[in-house]
Amino acid sequence: MRNKEFTFWLFITPVLLSLTLVVILPVVMGLFYSFTNWNGLDFTSFVGLNHYKRLLGDEQFLQSLWFTVKFSVASIILLNVIGLSLALLVTSKLKSRNILRTIFFMPNLIGGLILGFIWQFIFIRVFASIGELIGVESLQVWLATPGTGFWGLVILTVWQMAGYIMIIYIAYLQGVPKELLESAEIDGATPFQKFRHVIFPLIAPAFTVTMFLTLSNSFKIYDQNLSLTGGGPYNSTQMVAMNIVDTAFSGNQMAYGQSKAIIFFLIVAVISLSQVYYNKKREVDL
């Protein structure tokens, strides 16, 4: 027993050490610095809750937070619907299903910054050319308005991550017993009824996983936002992560930026853990 305990702690110690140094310690230090006038190097005094009070009147931060929430809702819905649809497609009897899996997953291998510049070229040059050809003015000024910038970010994110979400759904769909599907067919169930009453309850754990991943990823996006719109026009498409970075580094307000990061961390943590708890309970009900 002692040897087993020693082996257990021997293997888990590097993980705990990494977690402490990379996650726990920076969070604790960040929380501490958010109560000071820290400038990135040192601090001279404590300011208490001044930074957090200032956040309540920071219109740009609140605007970026609201934009991030809207973006996250749209992205989560589309990613799960499209990801599940692709998973159902490539687990069907199509002969090209293996090739389609590779094609759908490939965008996830491209880095966020590069992907942003690629789609920036598509939206600005390709969409403009199509708009001129068919006479649609809105296509000629894509990314020039808050509305088109918003949907540009959504399209980019969905195109990049849908294949990754598809892989998760595939793993659970392949675990659905074929006997249950055959029994449903014998009972005369339609394809929709099979999905609603047999497939969906059995892949409910996949929905919990994908919801957590898409929610946390949508809230934390920075590189795609930076390369696609840069927060423009006039910071109307600036997400929270970009707002925090701009405050800390461009504005040289490290402590204030850190207070924003702490609030952002709490918001993401509460929402993510709440949805996991709710979906776990829902799995039992299904």
Protein backbone atom coordinates (compact mmCIF):
# COMPACT_ATOMS: atom_id res chain seq x y z
CA MET A 1 0.00 0.00 0.00
CA ARG A 2 2.83 2.38 0.83
CA ASN A 3 4.48 1.69 -2.52
CA LYS A 4 1.19 2.37 -4.30
CA GLU A 5 0.73 5.64 -2.42
CA PHE A 6 4.30 6.69 -3.20
CA THR A 7 3.85 5.86 -6.90
CA PHE A 8 0.55 7.76 -7.00
CA TRP A 9 2.06 10.92 -5.53
CA LEU A 10 5.18 10.51 -7.67
CA PHE A 11 3.10 10.68 -10.86
CA ILE A 12 0.64 13.34 -9.69
CA THR A 13 3.20 15.76 -8.20
CA PRO A 14 4.37 17.22 -11.56
CA VAL A 15 0.74 17.88 -12.51
CA LEU A 16 -0.06 19.54 -9.19
CA LEU A 17 3.14 21.58 -9.36
CA SER A 18 2.35 22.77 -12.90
CA LEU A 19 -1.24 23.59 -11.95
CA THR A 20 -0.04 25.59 -8.95
CA LEU A 21 2.62 27.54 -10.85
CA VAL A 22 0.62 28.17 -14.03
CA VAL A 23 -2.95 28.61 -12.72
CA ILE A 24 -3.42 28.92 -8.96
CA LEU A 25 -0.44 31.15 -8.13
CA PRO A 26 -1.10 33.65 -10.98
CA VAL A 27 -4.77 33.91 -10.00
CA VAL A 28 -3.90 34.58 -6.35
CA MET A 29 -1.24 37.14 -7.30
CA GLY A 30 -3.60 38.77 -9.80
CA LEU A 31 -6.30 39.07 -7.16
CA PHE A 32 -3.79 40.67 -4.80
CA TYR A 33 -2.52 43.15 -7.41
CA SER A 34 -6.07 44.17 -8.33
CA PHE A 35 -6.32 45.87 -4.93
CA THR A 36 -3.15 47.91 -5.51
CA ASN A 37 -1.78 50.52 -7.92
CA TRP A 38 0.51 47.92 -9.51
CA ASN A 39 2.17 49.16 -12.72
CA GLY A 40 3.53 45.83 -13.93
CA LEU A 41 6.74 46.02 -11.89
CA ASP A 42 5.82 47.09 -8.37
CA PHE A 43 3.19 48.91 -6.34
CA THR A 44 3.33 51.71 -3.80
CA SER A 45 -0.08 51.58 -2.15
CA PHE A 46 -3.33 49.68 -1.75
CA VAL A 47 -6.42 51.16 -3.39
CA GLY A 48 -8.98 48.71 -2.02
CA LEU A 49 -12.06 48.25 -4.22
CA ASN A 50 -11.45 51.37 -6.30
CA HIS A 51 -10.71 49.43 -9.48
CA TYR A 52 -13.84 47.32 -9.09
CA LYS A 53 -15.98 50.40 -8.45
CA ARG A 54 -14.50 51.99 -11.55
CA LEU A 55 -15.62 48.97 -13.60
CA LEU A 56 -19.27 49.80 -12.94
CA GLY A 57 -18.90 53.04 -14.89
CA ASP A 58 -16.57 51.73 -17.60
CA GLU A 59 -18.87 51.87 -20.64
CA GLN A 60 -16.31 50.31 -22.99
CA PHE A 61 -15.81 47.30 -20.70
CA LEU A 62 -19.56 46.82 -20.25
CA GLN A 63 -20.08 47.15 -24.01
CA SER A 64 -17.37 44.58 -24.74
CA LEU A 65 -18.89 42.26 -22.11
CA TRP A 66 -22.34 42.54 -23.72
CA PHE A 67 -20.85 41.97 -27.18
CA THR A 68 -19.03 38.88 -25.87
CA VAL A 69 -22.23 37.49 -24.35
CA LYS A 70 -24.14 37.95 -27.63
CA PHE A 71 -21.28 36.42 -29.59
CA SER A 72 -21.07 33.45 -27.20
CA VAL A 73 -24.79 32.71 -27.41
CA ALA A 74 -24.78 32.77 -31.23
CA SER A 75 -21.57 30.71 -31.45
CA ILE A 76 -22.67 28.08 -28.91
CA ILE A 77 -25.99 27.46 -30.66
CA LEU A 78 -24.52 27.31 -34.17
CA LEU A 79 -21.49 25.24 -33.15
CA ASN A 80 -23.58 22.57 -31.44
CA VAL A 81 -26.24 22.43 -34.15
CA ILE A 82 -23.73 22.31 -37.01
CA GLY A 83 -21.30 20.04 -35.14
CA LEU A 84 -24.05 17.52 -34.36
CA SER A 85 -25.39 17.73 -37.93
CA LEU A 86 -21.93 17.01 -39.35
CA ALA A 87 -21.50 14.12 -36.90
CA LEU A 88 -24.81 12.59 -38.00
CA LEU A 89 -23.75 13.03 -41.63
CA VAL A 90 -20.35 11.34 -41.31
CA THR A 91 -21.73 8.46 -39.20
CA SER A 92 -24.29 7.64 -41.87
CA LYS A 93 -23.77 5.14 -44.70
CA LEU A 94 -22.05 7.64 -47.01
CA LYS A 95 -19.07 6.15 -48.84
CA SER A 96 -17.10 9.38 -48.49
CA ARG A 97 -17.68 9.75 -44.73
CA ASN A 98 -14.01 9.23 -43.78
CA ILE A 99 -12.84 11.88 -46.24
CA LEU A 100 -15.55 14.26 -45.04
CA ARG A 101 -14.40 13.82 -41.43
CA THR A 102 -10.91 14.95 -42.39
CA ILE A 103 -12.19 17.90 -44.42
CA PHE A 104 -14.52 19.12 -41.67
CA PHE A 105 -11.82 18.83 -38.99
CA MET A 106 -9.00 20.51 -40.92
CA PRO A 107 -9.96 24.17 -40.12
CA ASN A 108 -9.36 23.44 -36.43
CA LEU A 109 -5.67 22.86 -37.22
CA ILE A 110 -5.19 26.44 -38.43
CA GLY A 111 -4.01 29.00 -35.88
CA GLY A 112 -6.41 31.73 -34.80
CA LEU A 113 -4.33 34.67 -36.05
CA ILE A 114 -3.76 33.13 -39.47
CA LEU A 115 -7.39 32.14 -39.71
CA GLY A 116 -8.44 35.70 -38.89
CA PHE A 117 -6.32 37.16 -41.68
CA ILE A 118 -7.60 34.54 -44.15
CA TRP A 119 -11.22 35.37 -43.39
CA GLN A 120 -10.43 39.09 -43.39
CA PHE A 121 -9.29 38.69 -47.00
CA ILE A 122 -12.44 36.71 -47.81
CA PHE A 123 -14.80 39.23 -46.22
CA ILE A 124 -13.09 42.35 -47.60
CA ARG A 125 -11.95 41.23 -51.06
CA VAL A 126 -14.07 38.22 -52.04
CA PHE A 127 -17.35 39.47 -50.54
CA ALA A 128 -16.74 42.91 -52.08
CA SER A 129 -16.23 41.38 -55.52
CA ILE A 130 -19.39 39.29 -55.20
CA GLY A 131 -21.29 42.33 -53.93
CA GLU A 132 -20.21 44.40 -56.92
CA LEU A 133 -21.13 41.58 -59.29
CA ILE A 134 -24.65 41.04 -57.97
CA GLY A 135 -25.24 44.63 -56.84
CA VAL A 136 -25.54 44.00 -53.08
CA GLU A 137 -23.99 46.95 -51.24
CA SER A 138 -23.87 45.29 -47.80
CA LEU A 139 -21.40 42.68 -49.09
CA GLN A 140 -19.08 45.43 -50.27
CA VAL A 141 -18.61 46.89 -46.78
CA TRP A 142 -18.35 43.68 -44.75
CA LEU A 143 -16.57 44.18 -41.39
CA ALA A 144 -17.15 47.94 -41.71
CA THR A 145 -20.22 47.88 -39.45
CA PRO A 146 -20.79 46.41 -35.96
CA GLY A 147 -23.45 44.00 -37.31
CA THR A 148 -21.34 42.52 -40.10
CA GLY A 149 -18.29 42.47 -37.83
CA PHE A 150 -20.28 40.46 -35.28
CA TRP A 151 -21.40 37.88 -37.83
CA GLY A 152 -17.93 37.79 -39.33
CA LEU A 153 -16.52 36.67 -35.97
CA VAL A 154 -19.32 34.13 -35.56
CA ILE A 155 -18.74 32.67 -39.03
CA LEU A 156 -14.99 32.43 -38.42
CA THR A 157 -15.43 30.71 -35.04
CA VAL A 158 -18.04 28.25 -36.29
CA TRP A 159 -15.96 27.38 -39.36
CA GLN A 160 -12.92 26.74 -37.19
CA MET A 161 -14.48 24.76 -34.33
CA ALA A 162 -17.41 22.89 -35.90
CA GLY A 163 -15.16 20.01 -36.94
CA TYR A 164 -13.74 19.68 -33.44
CA ILE A 165 -17.22 19.57 -31.92
CA MET A 166 -18.19 17.05 -34.60
CA ILE A 167 -15.45 14.67 -33.39
CA ILE A 168 -16.85 14.72 -29.85
CA TYR A 169 -20.36 13.95 -31.05
CA ILE A 170 -19.03 11.17 -33.29
CA ALA A 171 -17.42 9.46 -30.29
CA TYR A 172 -20.77 9.33 -28.48
CA LEU A 173 -22.85 8.48 -31.57
CA GLN A 174 -20.68 5.44 -32.22
CA GLY A 175 -21.50 4.26 -28.70
CA VAL A 176 -25.26 4.16 -29.35
CA PRO A 177 -26.33 0.46 -29.43
CA LYS A 178 -27.48 -0.54 -32.91
CA GLU A 179 -30.03 -2.90 -31.37
CA LEU A 180 -31.97 0.07 -29.98
CA LEU A 181 -32.04 1.79 -33.37
CA GLU A 182 -33.17 -1.42 -35.08
CA SER A 183 -35.90 -1.90 -32.47
CA ALA A 184 -37.10 1.67 -33.04
CA GLU A 185 -37.25 1.05 -36.80
CA ILE A 186 -39.22 -2.15 -36.28
CA ASP A 187 -41.68 -0.20 -34.10
CA GLY A 188 -42.17 2.22 -36.98
CA ALA A 189 -40.29 5.22 -35.58
CA THR A 190 -39.46 7.99 -38.04
CA PRO A 191 -35.84 9.27 -38.30
CA PHE A 192 -36.79 12.30 -36.20
CA GLN A 193 -38.44 10.10 -33.55
CA LYS A 194 -35.35 7.87 -33.43
CA PHE A 195 -33.16 10.89 -32.89
CA ARG A 196 -35.46 12.52 -30.33
CA HIS A 197 -36.24 9.48 -28.18
CA VAL A 198 -33.24 7.18 -28.69
CA ILE A 199 -30.14 8.94 -29.95
CA PHE A 200 -30.35 12.31 -28.18
CA PRO A 201 -30.84 10.92 -24.62
CA LEU A 202 -27.86 8.59 -25.12
CA ILE A 203 -25.54 11.35 -26.35
CA ALA A 204 -26.62 13.86 -23.68
CA PRO A 205 -23.16 13.63 -21.98
CA ALA A 206 -21.61 14.82 -25.26
CA PHE A 207 -23.84 17.89 -25.13
CA THR A 208 -22.50 18.66 -21.62
CA VAL A 209 -18.91 18.44 -22.85
CA THR A 210 -19.44 20.48 -26.02
CA MET A 211 -21.42 23.14 -24.17
CA PHE A 212 -18.57 23.59 -21.71
CA LEU A 213 -15.94 23.75 -24.45
CA THR A 214 -17.85 26.10 -26.75
CA LEU A 215 -18.90 28.38 -23.90
CA SER A 216 -15.44 28.76 -22.39
CA ASN A 217 -13.79 29.13 -25.81
CA SER A 218 -16.31 31.71 -27.05
CA PHE A 219 -15.83 33.89 -23.99
CA LYS A 220 -12.03 33.76 -24.15
CA ILE A 221 -11.47 34.45 -27.86
CA TYR A 222 -8.74 37.01 -28.50
CA ASP A 223 -6.53 36.17 -31.48
CA GLN A 224 -9.40 35.86 -33.99
CA ASN A 225 -10.85 39.12 -32.72
CA LEU A 226 -7.47 40.82 -33.06
CA SER A 227 -6.70 39.65 -36.60
CA LEU A 228 -10.21 39.84 -38.10
CA THR A 229 -11.63 43.15 -36.86
CA GLY A 230 -9.09 44.51 -34.36
CA GLY A 231 -12.11 45.53 -32.28
CA GLY A 232 -13.28 47.98 -34.94
CA PRO A 233 -15.06 49.93 -36.08
CA TYR A 234 -14.60 52.22 -33.07
CA ASN A 235 -14.23 49.29 -30.62
CA SER A 236 -17.78 48.13 -31.45
CA THR A 237 -16.59 44.52 -31.99
CA GLN A 238 -14.09 44.48 -29.14
CA MET A 239 -14.47 41.42 -26.93
CA VAL A 240 -13.61 41.26 -23.23
CA ALA A 241 -10.23 39.57 -23.69
CA MET A 242 -9.11 42.31 -26.07
CA ASN A 243 -10.45 45.02 -23.77
CA ILE A 244 -8.43 43.59 -20.87
CA VAL A 245 -5.22 43.38 -22.92
CA ASP A 246 -5.68 46.93 -24.27
CA THR A 247 -6.28 48.27 -20.76
CA ALA A 248 -3.26 46.54 -19.27
CA PHE A 249 -0.70 47.02 -22.04
CA SER A 250 -1.88 49.76 -24.41
CA GLY A 251 -3.29 51.87 -21.58
CA ASN A 252 -0.50 50.86 -19.15
CA GLN A 253 -3.07 50.24 -16.39
CA MET A 254 -1.93 46.85 -15.15
CA ALA A 255 -3.83 46.78 -11.88
CA TYR A 256 -7.07 47.99 -13.46
CA GLY A 257 -6.69 45.44 -16.26
CA GLN A 258 -6.10 42.77 -13.64
CA SER A 259 -9.34 43.66 -11.86
CA LYS A 260 -11.17 43.27 -15.18
CA ALA A 261 -9.52 39.87 -15.63
CA ILE A 262 -10.64 38.75 -12.16
CA ILE A 263 -14.25 39.75 -12.83
CA PHE A 264 -14.10 38.08 -16.23
CA PHE A 265 -12.69 34.91 -14.68
CA LEU A 266 -15.52 34.79 -12.14
CA ILE A 267 -18.19 35.33 -14.81
CA VAL A 268 -16.84 32.55 -17.04
CA ALA A 269 -16.36 30.19 -14.09
CA VAL A 270 -19.88 30.71 -12.72
CA ILE A 271 -21.57 30.33 -16.11
CA SER A 272 -19.48 27.29 -17.11
CA LEU A 273 -19.93 25.43 -13.83
CA SER A 274 -23.65 26.27 -13.71
CA GLN A 275 -24.29 24.85 -17.16
CA VAL A 276 -22.30 21.70 -16.34
CA TYR A 277 -24.36 21.20 -13.16
CA TYR A 278 -27.64 21.80 -15.01
CA ASN A 279 -26.76 19.50 -17.91
CA LYS A 280 -25.55 16.76 -15.57
CA LYS A 281 -28.93 16.80 -13.83
CA ARG A 282 -30.66 16.81 -17.20
CA GLU A 283 -28.70 13.71 -18.27
CA VAL A 284 -30.22 11.81 -15.33
CA ASP A 285 -33.74 12.99 -16.25
CA LEU A 286 -33.26 11.87 -19.86
